[in-house]
Structure formats: structure tokens, C-alpha cells
Amino acid sequence: MVEGLILARHDKTLTLEIGGISIIKRCIESMIPHVSRIIITCRLNSEIEKIAKSIYHVECLRIGQDDTMMNEIRYGLKKIQTNRIFITPGYYPLINVFTYETLLKHEQDIIIPVFNNKKGYPLLINKKVKSMIIENGNLIKLDDVFKQFNQELVEVKDAGIICNVDTIDHYYEVYKRFYQ
């Protein structure tokens, strides 16, 4: 079994809509067919919580406003119970469902999708990586984790893995592309 972790502490753009569906809901919908449960990290009283409550098998984990990305990941991973975990920021709304299927066919410690020689999301990690992240509070960024484990870069035909919408400018770029 696999669970998912969606990082949503920076929620400025996550409730904006593309094609009538919020960015965070698009992120959830592409992941949910491949996981038994999704944990979303978000701030207290976030709009994200309201969206997540309406979706079966999705739970919100409230985090502090000043938490770093690694702490956000650490808190989320503590709630995960499976041996394999997908991790993605919530501002990747265009990841293709088939990308998840492709990544699940691989077995390394860390599996990273690649499109046109660019690494993207979601990451797929195993329980060894999860344990190390939880236990090692000195980790500052994901690159610190990558250096310590076997990785596999998996080429996918999905530009969505590198298409983030973490700013209003990115949102307008994606919005225009979506409606062309």
C-alpha cells in the first residue's frame, strides 16, 4: 500500500481555480487513485481544510506558520503508516495520473520523475527514507536526504511534474495555457 503527503503550508495560490477546480483539489485528484490515504499539511483555519474535508481518505494536519519545508515533511511522515509514500507540494496541479502508475513500478529508495532532463514531483520514497527524515532533525533540505540513499530518475511524458503554481504569475501562465 501507498499513502500520499501533500505539502500545503504556502496556501496563497492553492484555492485558485483552473477549469473550475482548485489547484489543491487537482493535486489531490491525480494522486488519490494510487494511494490509500492522503495527509495534507496546512495552516490552522486554512481554506485547504474545507476542501480536504469534502474528499474521502484525505486528512489535514495543521502545522505552524513558520515551519520549514523539512519540518512540514517530517510532521506529515509521522502520520504515514505505509512502506511507500508519495510526496508533492500542493501547487503541482497538472501531474498526470499515469505518472503515479509509472513511478510505482520502480523500487529504489527514492524515485524522482524527470521531464526533459528536469526533476519534478511527486517523489516516491520508502520506509528507510521516511525513518531517516523523521529521526534526523538536522536535515535542512531534500537534497540532504537524496545524498544518503539510492535514487532512480524515471523519465515520464508529463510536463505537469515540473509545472508549479506557487505564485500568482505562475498561476496566470498555467491558466492561459489551460485555456488555449
C-alpha atoms as a PDB file:
ATOM      1  CA  MET A   1       0.000   0.000   0.000  1.00  0.00           C
ATOM      2  CA  VAL A   2       0.998   3.602  -0.576  1.00  0.00           C
ATOM      3  CA  GLU A   3      -0.013   6.833   1.132  1.00  0.00           C
ATOM      4  CA  GLY A   4       0.446  10.400  -0.040  1.00  0.00           C
ATOM      5  CA  LEU A   5       1.732  13.567   1.574  1.00  0.00           C
ATOM      6  CA  ILE A   6       0.759  16.904   0.059  1.00  0.00           C
ATOM      7  CA  LEU A   7       2.552  19.964   1.381  1.00  0.00           C
ATOM      8  CA  ALA A   8       0.198  22.937   1.564  1.00  0.00           C
ATOM      9  CA  ARG A   9       1.615  25.377   4.118  1.00  0.00           C
ATOM     10  CA  HIS A  10       2.047  28.031   1.418  1.00  0.00           C
ATOM     11  CA  ASP A  11      -1.596  28.250   0.531  1.00  0.00           C
ATOM     12  CA  LYS A  12      -1.690  31.571  -1.352  1.00  0.00           C
ATOM     13  CA  THR A  13      -2.472  30.022  -4.725  1.00  0.00           C
ATOM     14  CA  LEU A  14      -3.860  26.602  -3.778  1.00  0.00           C
ATOM     15  CA  THR A  15      -7.501  27.638  -3.708  1.00  0.00           C
ATOM     16  CA  LEU A  16      -7.368  29.407  -7.064  1.00  0.00           C
ATOM     17  CA  GLU A  17      -9.159  27.508  -9.814  1.00  0.00           C
ATOM     18  CA  ILE A  18      -8.130  26.159 -13.178  1.00  0.00           C
ATOM     19  CA  GLY A  19     -11.032  24.868 -15.226  1.00  0.00           C
ATOM     20  CA  GLY A  20     -13.390  25.251 -12.262  1.00  0.00           C
ATOM     21  CA  ILE A  21     -11.299  23.051  -9.936  1.00  0.00           C
ATOM     22  CA  SER A  22      -8.976  24.403  -7.253  1.00  0.00           C
ATOM     23  CA  ILE A  23      -5.246  23.800  -7.590  1.00  0.00           C
ATOM     24  CA  ILE A  24      -5.127  21.738  -4.384  1.00  0.00           C
ATOM     25  CA  LYS A  25      -8.114  19.623  -5.448  1.00  0.00           C
ATOM     26  CA  ARG A  26      -6.430  18.912  -8.806  1.00  0.00           C
ATOM     27  CA  CYS A  27      -3.329  17.797  -6.924  1.00  0.00           C
ATOM     28  CA  ILE A  28      -5.412  15.503  -4.700  1.00  0.00           C
ATOM     29  CA  GLU A  29      -7.442  14.060  -7.580  1.00  0.00           C
ATOM     30  CA  SER A  30      -4.401  12.985  -9.570  1.00  0.00           C
ATOM     31  CA  MET A  31      -2.895  11.226  -6.530  1.00  0.00           C
ATOM     32  CA  ILE A  32      -5.933   9.630  -4.897  1.00  0.00           C
ATOM     33  CA  PRO A  33      -6.416   6.677  -7.299  1.00  0.00           C
ATOM     34  CA  HIS A  34      -2.985   5.371  -6.278  1.00  0.00           C
ATOM     35  CA  VAL A  35      -2.979   5.792  -2.511  1.00  0.00           C
ATOM     36  CA  SER A  36      -4.995   4.529   0.440  1.00  0.00           C
ATOM     37  CA  ARG A  37      -4.901   7.915   2.187  1.00  0.00           C
ATOM     38  CA  ILE A  38      -3.550  11.440   1.732  1.00  0.00           C
ATOM     39  CA  ILE A  39      -2.225  13.665   4.506  1.00  0.00           C
ATOM     40  CA  ILE A  40      -2.213  17.385   3.683  1.00  0.00           C
ATOM     41  CA  THR A  41      -0.121  19.700   5.819  1.00  0.00           C
ATOM     42  CA  CYS A  42      -1.761  23.101   6.179  1.00  0.00           C
ATOM     43  CA  ARG A  43      -2.137  26.083   8.451  1.00  0.00           C
ATOM     44  CA  LEU A  44      -4.799  26.491  11.104  1.00  0.00           C
ATOM     45  CA  ASN A  45      -8.201  27.519   9.699  1.00  0.00           C
ATOM     46  CA  SER A  46      -6.955  27.184   6.183  1.00  0.00           C
ATOM     47  CA  GLU A  47      -9.281  27.090   3.178  1.00  0.00           C
ATOM     48  CA  ILE A  48      -7.405  23.908   2.310  1.00  0.00           C
ATOM     49  CA  GLU A  49      -9.056  22.157   5.265  1.00  0.00           C
ATOM     50  CA  LYS A  50     -12.510  22.953   3.915  1.00  0.00           C
ATOM     51  CA  ILE A  51     -11.632  21.499   0.517  1.00  0.00           C
ATOM     52  CA  ALA A  52      -9.972  18.410   2.005  1.00  0.00           C
ATOM     53  CA  LYS A  53     -12.903  17.606   4.326  1.00  0.00           C
ATOM     54  CA  SER A  54     -15.097  17.002   1.298  1.00  0.00           C
ATOM     55  CA  ILE A  55     -12.831  14.263  -0.068  1.00  0.00           C
ATOM     56  CA  TYR A  56     -12.821  10.724   1.303  1.00  0.00           C
ATOM     57  CA  HIS A  57      -9.426   9.406   2.558  1.00  0.00           C
ATOM     58  CA  VAL A  58      -7.929  12.898   2.843  1.00  0.00           C
ATOM     59  CA  GLU A  59      -6.859  14.317   6.206  1.00  0.00           C
ATOM     60  CA  CYS A  60      -5.387  17.672   7.153  1.00  0.00           C
ATOM     61  CA  LEU A  61      -2.535  18.037   9.570  1.00  0.00           C
ATOM     62  CA  ARG A  62      -2.213  21.522  10.983  1.00  0.00           C
ATOM     63  CA  ILE A  63       1.291  22.923  11.149  1.00  0.00           C
ATOM     64  CA  GLY A  64       2.834  26.169  12.357  1.00  0.00           C
ATOM     65  CA  GLN A  65       3.085  29.135  10.055  1.00  0.00           C
ATOM     66  CA  ASP A  66       6.863  29.341  10.415  1.00  0.00           C
ATOM     67  CA  ASP A  67       7.668  25.666   9.863  1.00  0.00           C
ATOM     68  CA  THR A  68      10.283  24.861   7.248  1.00  0.00           C
ATOM     69  CA  MET A  69       9.580  22.526   4.345  1.00  0.00           C
ATOM     70  CA  MET A  70      11.624  19.753   6.026  1.00  0.00           C
ATOM     71  CA  ASN A  71       9.662  20.133   9.271  1.00  0.00           C
ATOM     72  CA  GLU A  72       6.450  20.052   7.270  1.00  0.00           C
ATOM     73  CA  ILE A  73       7.572  16.823   5.617  1.00  0.00           C
ATOM     74  CA  ARG A  74       8.710  15.406   8.972  1.00  0.00           C
ATOM     75  CA  TYR A  75       5.343  16.126  10.651  1.00  0.00           C
ATOM     76  CA  GLY A  76       3.443  14.620   7.743  1.00  0.00           C
ATOM     77  CA  LEU A  77       5.584  11.491   7.582  1.00  0.00           C
ATOM     78  CA  LYS A  78       4.954  10.804  11.270  1.00  0.00           C
ATOM     79  CA  LYS A  79       1.277  10.251  10.360  1.00  0.00           C
ATOM     80  CA  ILE A  80       2.027   7.945   7.425  1.00  0.00           C
ATOM     81  CA  GLN A  81       1.709   4.213   8.079  1.00  0.00           C
ATOM     82  CA  THR A  82       2.678   2.594   4.772  1.00  0.00           C
ATOM     83  CA  ASN A  83       6.065   1.477   3.422  1.00  0.00           C
ATOM     84  CA  ARG A  84       5.907   3.715   0.358  1.00  0.00           C
ATOM     85  CA  ILE A  85       4.938   7.382   0.273  1.00  0.00           C
ATOM     86  CA  PHE A  86       4.308   9.902  -2.477  1.00  0.00           C
ATOM     87  CA  ILE A  87       5.332  13.457  -1.574  1.00  0.00           C
ATOM     88  CA  THR A  88       4.419  16.559  -3.551  1.00  0.00           C
ATOM     89  CA  PRO A  89       3.809  20.222  -2.864  1.00  0.00           C
ATOM     90  CA  GLY A  90       0.149  21.106  -3.336  1.00  0.00           C
ATOM     91  CA  TYR A  91       0.929  23.626  -6.052  1.00  0.00           C
ATOM     92  CA  TYR A  92       1.569  20.978  -8.733  1.00  0.00           C
ATOM     93  CA  PRO A  93      -1.971  20.750 -10.156  1.00  0.00           C
ATOM     94  CA  LEU A  94      -1.214  19.218 -13.540  1.00  0.00           C
ATOM     95  CA  ILE A  95       0.527  15.940 -12.637  1.00  0.00           C
ATOM     96  CA  ASN A  96      -0.879  13.188 -14.806  1.00  0.00           C
ATOM     97  CA  VAL A  97      -2.479  10.165 -13.130  1.00  0.00           C
ATOM     98  CA  PHE A  98      -0.288   7.902 -15.261  1.00  0.00           C
ATOM     99  CA  THR A  99       2.863   9.390 -13.751  1.00  0.00           C
ATOM    100  CA  TYR A 100       1.929   7.856 -10.400  1.00  0.00           C
ATOM    101  CA  GLU A 101       1.412   4.472 -12.063  1.00  0.00           C
ATOM    102  CA  THR A 102       4.796   4.709 -13.763  1.00  0.00           C
ATOM    103  CA  LEU A 103       6.635   5.582 -10.551  1.00  0.00           C
ATOM    104  CA  LEU A 104       5.008   2.710  -8.639  1.00  0.00           C
ATOM    105  CA  LYS A 105       6.687   0.230 -10.985  1.00  0.00           C
ATOM    106  CA  HIS A 106      10.102   1.170  -9.568  1.00  0.00           C
ATOM    107  CA  GLU A 107      11.662   0.049  -6.293  1.00  0.00           C
ATOM    108  CA  GLN A 108      14.610   2.288  -5.323  1.00  0.00           C
ATOM    109  CA  ASP A 109      14.722   4.171  -2.010  1.00  0.00           C
ATOM    110  CA  ILE A 110      13.834   7.452  -3.735  1.00  0.00           C
ATOM    111  CA  ILE A 111      12.141   7.659  -7.120  1.00  0.00           C
ATOM    112  CA  ILE A 112      12.120  11.017  -8.879  1.00  0.00           C
ATOM    113  CA  PRO A 113      10.205  11.742 -12.089  1.00  0.00           C
ATOM    114  CA  VAL A 114      12.053  13.584 -14.858  1.00  0.00           C
ATOM    115  CA  PHE A 115      10.658  15.501 -17.830  1.00  0.00           C
ATOM    116  CA  ASN A 116      13.047  16.964 -20.441  1.00  0.00           C
ATOM    117  CA  ASN A 117      16.002  16.414 -18.077  1.00  0.00           C
ATOM    118  CA  LYS A 118      14.295  18.337 -15.242  1.00  0.00           C
ATOM    119  CA  LYS A 119      13.477  16.675 -11.933  1.00  0.00           C
ATOM    120  CA  GLY A 120       9.962  17.158 -10.636  1.00  0.00           C
ATOM    121  CA  TYR A 121       7.248  15.851  -8.332  1.00  0.00           C
ATOM    122  CA  PRO A 122       5.841  13.635  -6.953  1.00  0.00           C
ATOM    123  CA  LEU A 123       8.682  11.890  -5.172  1.00  0.00           C
ATOM    124  CA  LEU A 124       8.157   8.291  -4.143  1.00  0.00           C
ATOM    125  CA  ILE A 125      10.096   7.245  -1.048  1.00  0.00           C
ATOM    126  CA  ASN A 126      10.307   4.074   1.010  1.00  0.00           C
ATOM    127  CA  LYS A 127      10.207   3.463   4.770  1.00  0.00           C
ATOM    128  CA  LYS A 128      14.029   3.702   5.164  1.00  0.00           C
ATOM    129  CA  VAL A 129      13.959   7.245   3.795  1.00  0.00           C
ATOM    130  CA  LYS A 130      10.883   8.079   5.873  1.00  0.00           C
ATOM    131  CA  SER A 131      12.568   6.887   9.071  1.00  0.00           C
ATOM    132  CA  MET A 132      15.739   8.834   8.409  1.00  0.00           C
ATOM    133  CA  ILE A 133      13.818  12.065   7.742  1.00  0.00           C
ATOM    134  CA  ILE A 134      11.784  11.674  10.929  1.00  0.00           C
ATOM    135  CA  GLU A 135      14.762  10.770  13.109  1.00  0.00           C
ATOM    136  CA  ASN A 136      17.263  13.298  11.773  1.00  0.00           C
ATOM    137  CA  GLY A 137      16.196  16.796  12.794  1.00  0.00           C
ATOM    138  CA  ASN A 138      19.390  18.269  11.291  1.00  0.00           C
ATOM    139  CA  LEU A 139      18.207  17.844   7.720  1.00  0.00           C
ATOM    140  CA  ILE A 140      17.676  21.247   6.133  1.00  0.00           C
ATOM    141  CA  LYS A 141      16.531  20.350   2.614  1.00  0.00           C
ATOM    142  CA  LEU A 142      15.583  17.357   0.496  1.00  0.00           C
ATOM    143  CA  ASP A 143      18.981  17.373  -1.225  1.00  0.00           C
ATOM    144  CA  ASP A 144      20.468  16.368   2.144  1.00  0.00           C
ATOM    145  CA  VAL A 145      18.262  13.266   2.024  1.00  0.00           C
ATOM    146  CA  PHE A 146      18.952  12.478  -1.629  1.00  0.00           C
ATOM    147  CA  LYS A 147      22.694  12.224  -0.989  1.00  0.00           C
ATOM    148  CA  GLN A 148      22.203   9.391   1.503  1.00  0.00           C
ATOM    149  CA  PHE A 149      20.012   6.990  -0.481  1.00  0.00           C
ATOM    150  CA  ASN A 150      19.795   5.170  -3.790  1.00  0.00           C
ATOM    151  CA  GLN A 151      17.748   7.187  -6.246  1.00  0.00           C
ATOM    152  CA  GLU A 152      16.203   6.371  -9.550  1.00  0.00           C
ATOM    153  CA  LEU A 153      15.354   9.060 -12.052  1.00  0.00           C
ATOM    154  CA  VAL A 154      12.367   7.970 -14.128  1.00  0.00           C
ATOM    155  CA  GLU A 155      11.668   9.707 -17.426  1.00  0.00           C
ATOM    156  CA  VAL A 156       7.954  10.466 -17.808  1.00  0.00           C
ATOM    157  CA  LYS A 157       5.938  12.120 -20.560  1.00  0.00           C
ATOM    158  CA  ASP A 158       4.325  14.588 -18.224  1.00  0.00           C
ATOM    159  CA  ALA A 159       5.184  18.289 -18.174  1.00  0.00           C
ATOM    160  CA  GLY A 160       2.938  18.569 -15.096  1.00  0.00           C
ATOM    161  CA  ILE A 161       5.745  17.259 -12.883  1.00  0.00           C
ATOM    162  CA  ILE A 162       7.685  20.494 -13.413  1.00  0.00           C
ATOM    163  CA  CYS A 163       4.710  22.871 -13.640  1.00  0.00           C
ATOM    164  CA  ASN A 164       4.279  24.549 -10.271  1.00  0.00           C
ATOM    165  CA  VAL A 165       1.784  27.233  -9.414  1.00  0.00           C
ATOM    166  CA  ASP A 166       3.336  28.703  -6.286  1.00  0.00           C
ATOM    167  CA  THR A 167       2.983  32.362  -7.314  1.00  0.00           C
ATOM    168  CA  ILE A 168       0.269  34.444  -8.930  1.00  0.00           C
ATOM    169  CA  ASP A 169       2.484  34.874 -12.012  1.00  0.00           C
ATOM    170  CA  HIS A 170       2.795  31.096 -12.372  1.00  0.00           C
ATOM    171  CA  TYR A 171      -0.962  30.811 -11.930  1.00  0.00           C
ATOM    172  CA  TYR A 172      -1.625  33.192 -14.837  1.00  0.00           C
ATOM    173  CA  GLU A 173       0.854  31.313 -17.040  1.00  0.00           C
ATOM    174  CA  VAL A 174      -0.834  27.968 -16.346  1.00  0.00           C
ATOM    175  CA  TYR A 175      -4.303  29.491 -16.603  1.00  0.00           C
ATOM    176  CA  LYS A 176      -3.509  30.878 -20.084  1.00  0.00           C
ATOM    177  CA  ARG A 177      -2.035  27.551 -21.219  1.00  0.00           C
ATOM    178  CA  PHE A 178      -5.033  25.657 -19.888  1.00  0.00           C
ATOM    179  CA  TYR A 179      -7.483  27.758 -21.854  1.00  0.00           C
ATOM    180  CA  GLN A 180      -5.563  27.833 -25.146  1.00  0.00           C
END
